[in-house]
Protein backbone atom coordinates (compact mmCIF):
# COMPACT_ATOMS: atom_id res chain seq x y z
CA MET A 1 -9.49 9.07 12.40
CA ALA A 2 -6.38 10.78 11.14
CA ASP A 3 -6.42 14.38 10.00
CA GLU A 4 -5.67 14.65 6.26
CA SER A 5 -2.35 16.36 7.02
CA GLU A 6 -1.35 13.73 9.59
CA ILE A 7 0.90 10.91 8.45
CA VAL A 8 -0.49 7.57 9.56
CA ILE A 9 2.42 5.41 10.77
CA LEU A 10 1.59 1.79 11.53
CA PRO A 11 4.31 -0.16 13.37
CA VAL A 12 4.70 -3.80 12.43
CA LEU A 13 3.33 -6.03 15.19
CA GLU A 14 4.21 -9.37 13.60
CA THR A 15 5.70 -10.73 10.42
CA GLY A 16 5.15 -14.02 8.70
CA ALA A 17 3.79 -15.53 5.53
CA MET A 18 0.47 -16.62 4.12
CA ILE A 19 -0.40 -19.03 1.34
CA ASP A 20 -2.58 -17.59 -1.43
CA ALA A 21 -5.24 -19.49 -3.42
CA ALA A 22 -2.62 -20.55 -5.99
CA GLY A 23 -0.42 -22.02 -3.25
CA GLU A 24 2.18 -19.24 -3.40
CA GLN A 25 3.74 -18.16 -0.12
CA LEU A 26 3.56 -14.39 0.38
CA PRO A 27 5.41 -12.30 3.00
CA THR A 28 2.95 -10.79 5.46
CA VAL A 29 3.02 -8.03 8.06
CA VAL A 30 0.44 -7.47 10.76
CA VAL A 31 -0.36 -3.88 11.72
CA ASP A 32 -2.94 -2.39 14.07
CA ALA A 33 -5.19 -0.16 11.99
CA SER A 34 -8.04 -0.06 14.51
CA ASP A 35 -7.63 3.71 14.95
CA HIS A 36 -7.50 4.21 11.19
CA PRO A 37 -10.66 2.87 9.52
CA GLU A 38 -9.56 4.40 6.22
CA VAL A 39 -6.67 1.90 6.22
CA ALA A 40 -8.50 -1.01 7.84
CA ASP A 41 -11.20 -0.90 5.13
CA LEU A 42 -8.81 -0.86 2.15
CA ALA A 43 -8.82 -4.62 1.57
CA ARG A 44 -12.63 -4.67 1.38
CA VAL A 45 -12.70 -1.68 -0.98
CA HIS A 46 -10.08 -3.23 -3.24
CA ALA A 47 -11.97 -6.56 -3.28
CA ILE A 48 -15.11 -4.78 -4.51
CA GLU A 49 -13.63 -2.02 -6.70
CA GLY A 50 -10.47 -3.71 -7.97
CA ILE A 51 -6.82 -3.31 -7.14
CA GLY A 52 -6.43 0.25 -8.37
CA ASP A 53 -3.22 2.24 -8.34
CA ILE A 54 -0.72 1.69 -5.55
CA ALA A 55 2.78 3.14 -5.30
CA THR A 56 5.36 2.55 -2.61
CA GLU A 57 8.43 4.39 -1.40
CA ALA A 58 10.96 3.18 1.15
CA ALA A 59 13.58 4.76 3.41
CA ALA A 60 15.78 3.65 6.29
CA VAL A 61 16.90 5.69 9.31
CA GLN A 62 19.69 4.47 11.56
CA THR A 63 18.69 4.56 15.24
CA GLY A 64 21.66 2.84 16.85
CA ASP A 65 24.93 1.14 16.10
CA ARG A 66 23.23 -1.79 14.38
CA THR A 67 19.56 -0.84 14.50
CA TRP A 68 17.39 0.89 11.94
CA ARG A 69 13.83 2.04 11.46
CA PHE A 70 12.63 1.20 7.98
CA PHE A 71 9.63 3.02 6.55
CA LEU A 72 7.50 1.75 3.67
CA ALA A 73 5.09 4.39 2.42
CA VAL A 74 2.00 3.04 0.66
CA ILE A 75 0.26 5.60 -1.54
CA ILE A 76 -3.09 4.60 -3.05
CA SER A 77 -4.69 6.85 -5.66
CA SER A 78 -7.59 4.63 -6.78
CA PRO A 79 -10.18 3.29 -6.23
CA VAL A 80 -9.84 5.51 -3.14
CA ALA A 81 -7.16 7.95 -2.07
CA CYS A 82 -5.26 6.83 1.02
CA ALA A 83 -1.68 6.90 2.23
CA PHE A 84 0.04 5.38 5.21
CA VAL A 85 3.49 4.28 6.35
CA ILE A 86 4.45 0.88 7.69
CA GLU A 87 7.29 1.08 10.22
CA PHE A 88 9.67 -1.87 10.46
CA ALA A 89 12.47 -2.47 12.98
CA LEU A 90 15.78 -3.74 11.66
CA PRO A 91 17.33 -6.18 12.03
CA ALA A 92 14.24 -7.88 13.57
CA ASP A 93 12.01 -7.47 10.48
CA ARG A 94 14.71 -7.87 7.85
CA ARG A 95 13.61 -11.33 6.70
CA VAL A 96 10.09 -10.25 5.70
CA LEU A 97 11.50 -7.25 3.82
CA ASP A 98 13.98 -9.42 1.93
CA GLU A 99 11.15 -11.83 1.09
CA ALA A 100 8.93 -8.95 -0.06
CA ALA A 101 11.72 -7.64 -2.30
CA ALA A 102 12.22 -11.12 -3.77
CA ALA A 103 8.48 -11.65 -4.32
CA GLY A 104 7.68 -8.09 -5.42
CA ARG A 105 4.63 -8.26 -3.14
CA LEU A 106 3.63 -7.80 0.46
CA VAL A 107 0.43 -8.71 2.28
CA ILE A 108 -0.78 -6.27 4.92
CA ALA A 109 -2.96 -7.83 7.60
CA THR A 110 -5.01 -5.59 9.84
CA THR A 111 -6.46 -8.51 11.81
CA PRO A 112 -4.26 -10.39 14.29
CA PRO A 113 -3.43 -13.88 12.99
CA GLU A 114 -5.08 -15.56 16.00
CA ARG A 115 -8.43 -14.03 14.94
CA ALA A 116 -8.03 -14.68 11.21
CA GLU A 117 -9.64 -18.13 11.15
CA LEU A 118 -12.70 -16.92 13.05
CA ASP A 119 -13.02 -13.48 11.39
CA GLN A 120 -11.90 -14.57 7.89
CA PRO A 121 -10.74 -11.04 7.07
CA LEU A 122 -9.64 -9.68 3.75
CA TRP A 123 -5.99 -8.67 3.76
CA LEU A 124 -4.44 -6.15 1.39
CA ALA A 125 -1.84 -7.53 -1.02
CA ILE A 126 0.28 -4.86 -2.69
CA ASP A 127 2.82 -5.00 -5.48
CA LEU A 128 6.22 -3.48 -4.76
CA ASP A 129 9.11 -2.39 -6.90
CA PRO A 130 11.56 -5.07 -5.75
CA HIS A 131 14.66 -3.14 -6.83
CA SER A 132 13.64 0.07 -5.06
CA LEU A 133 12.81 -1.84 -1.89
CA ALA A 134 16.08 -3.79 -1.96
CA ASP A 135 18.08 -0.62 -2.69
CA ALA A 136 16.55 1.16 0.33
CA LEU A 137 17.47 -1.63 2.74
CA PRO A 138 20.70 -1.00 4.67
CA ASP A 139 23.58 -3.44 4.27
């Protein structure tokens, strides 16, 4: 488990989309939170306790001529306090970020998609400020 002063950074393993109960397609990222039970358990907690308060912040760092690391910080203050950062690679993950900005939402999956049908996990859907996310994306 992470020390309280340690920033939990979860690299994106896969991107895609899921269809919610209303038939809406939502952009989805898969991260490995197996070493961070405080993150892996968030979807269950939110399902029981309610959505709570979630804020996001985004920043991009150029790593090469045409490559970037894009960081999306997720800060949860209720029903539990938890914070983590999702690390994207650009341009590879650009599509899911553009889709998240357009939708104003992002689904965070902590179970690999190939296990989802068997495990039937809860995934964490978060609201985003679409303008802030779009403004943080490099051109």
